[in-house]
Protein backbone atom coordinates (compact mmCIF):
# COMPACT_ATOMS: atom_id res chain seq x y z
CA MET A 1 30.19 3.09 153.34
CA SER A 2 32.44 0.04 153.44
CA THR A 3 35.55 -0.22 151.29
CA ILE A 4 34.84 -0.41 147.58
CA VAL A 5 36.73 -3.42 146.24
CA LEU A 6 37.20 -3.65 142.49
CA GLN A 7 38.96 -6.46 140.62
CA LEU A 8 40.08 -5.86 137.06
CA PHE A 9 40.93 -8.93 135.01
CA ILE A 10 43.21 -8.24 132.05
CA ALA A 11 45.14 -10.33 129.52
CA GLY A 12 48.68 -8.98 129.41
CA ARG A 13 49.82 -5.38 129.08
CA THR A 14 48.33 -4.07 125.86
CA PRO A 15 47.16 -0.57 124.93
CA ARG A 16 43.58 -1.70 125.65
CA THR A 17 44.44 -2.97 129.14
CA GLU A 18 46.57 0.08 129.92
CA HIS A 19 43.61 2.27 128.94
CA ALA A 20 41.27 0.26 131.20
CA ILE A 21 43.68 0.57 134.14
CA ALA A 22 44.13 4.31 133.59
CA THR A 23 40.38 4.85 133.31
CA LEU A 24 39.77 3.07 136.61
CA GLN A 25 42.56 4.92 138.38
CA VAL A 26 41.10 8.26 137.29
CA LEU A 27 37.61 7.11 138.28
CA ILE A 28 38.86 6.18 141.76
CA VAL A 29 40.79 9.43 142.28
CA GLU A 30 38.30 11.85 140.74
CA ARG A 31 34.86 10.25 140.98
CA LEU A 32 35.15 8.15 144.13
CA ALA A 33 37.18 10.63 146.15
CA GLY A 34 36.41 10.35 149.83
CA TYR A 35 35.45 6.68 149.69
CA PRO A 36 37.91 3.96 150.70
CA CYS A 37 38.65 2.06 147.50
CA GLU A 38 40.87 -0.87 146.55
CA LEU A 39 41.71 -1.86 142.97
CA VAL A 40 43.15 -5.33 142.40
CA ILE A 41 44.52 -6.09 138.93
CA VAL A 42 44.69 -9.73 137.89
CA ASP A 43 46.50 -10.73 134.70
CA VAL A 44 44.82 -13.92 133.50
CA LEU A 45 47.91 -14.84 131.48
CA THR A 46 50.03 -15.09 134.63
CA ASP A 47 47.23 -16.27 136.95
CA PRO A 48 44.89 -18.45 134.88
CA GLN A 49 43.60 -20.23 137.99
CA GLN A 50 41.94 -17.04 139.24
CA ALA A 51 40.35 -16.55 135.84
CA GLU A 52 38.97 -20.07 135.94
CA GLU A 53 37.72 -19.75 139.53
CA ARG A 54 36.01 -16.42 138.77
CA GLN A 55 34.70 -17.65 135.39
CA ILE A 56 36.41 -14.90 133.40
CA PHE A 57 35.80 -15.55 129.71
CA ALA A 58 36.69 -12.14 128.25
CA THR A 59 38.96 -9.26 129.17
CA PRO A 60 38.90 -6.66 130.40
CA THR A 61 36.38 -7.73 133.03
CA LEU A 62 35.71 -5.55 136.05
CA ILE A 63 34.07 -7.04 139.15
CA LYS A 64 32.81 -4.98 142.05
CA GLU A 65 33.27 -7.27 145.04
CA SER A 66 31.96 -4.92 147.68
CA PRO A 67 29.81 -3.34 148.73
CA LEU A 68 27.21 -5.88 147.71
CA PRO A 69 25.56 -6.61 145.38
CA GLN A 70 28.43 -7.86 143.28
CA ARG A 71 28.47 -6.43 139.76
CA ARG A 72 30.42 -7.43 136.64
CA ILE A 73 31.27 -5.35 133.56
CA ILE A 74 32.90 -6.87 130.51
CA GLY A 75 34.57 -4.89 127.75
CA ASP A 76 34.92 -1.16 127.25
CA LEU A 77 35.48 0.78 130.48
CA ALA A 78 35.79 4.22 128.87
CA ASP A 79 32.58 5.86 130.15
CA ALA A 80 33.11 6.89 133.81
CA ASP A 81 29.46 7.88 134.35
CA GLY A 82 28.29 4.63 132.83
CA LEU A 83 30.72 2.66 135.00
CA LEU A 84 29.48 4.31 138.20
CA THR A 85 25.88 3.62 137.25
CA ALA A 86 26.53 0.03 136.17
CA LEU A 87 28.50 -0.68 139.35
CA GLY A 88 25.85 0.93 141.52
CA LEU A 89 28.41 3.29 143.06
CA PRO A 90 27.79 6.81 144.32
CA PRO A 91 29.59 9.82 142.80
CA ALA A 92 32.25 11.61 144.81
CA ARG A 93 31.14 13.47 147.91
CA LEU A 94 31.60 17.13 147.24
CA PRO A 95 32.72 19.43 150.06
CA SER A 96 29.98 21.71 151.42
């Protein structure tokens, strides 16, 4: 599998954005273990041009850039199983 590239668009450092970041970090470490994964965090308050280019209208917004197809999730990122399903990503490979 190619590298999983995720972009998380946030609006400043608030408890909601910190929770979204923490949820994704746990998801990457625990649920996507064994897959190469990159998480890019973009704060739309400090980089509004990226938000405009990517048509980000609400935060948090998570975009799976690769592997294709691209997927976008807006809002609550609390459910790890739901995130994996919505992003079309496989669960962690378990050792045999």
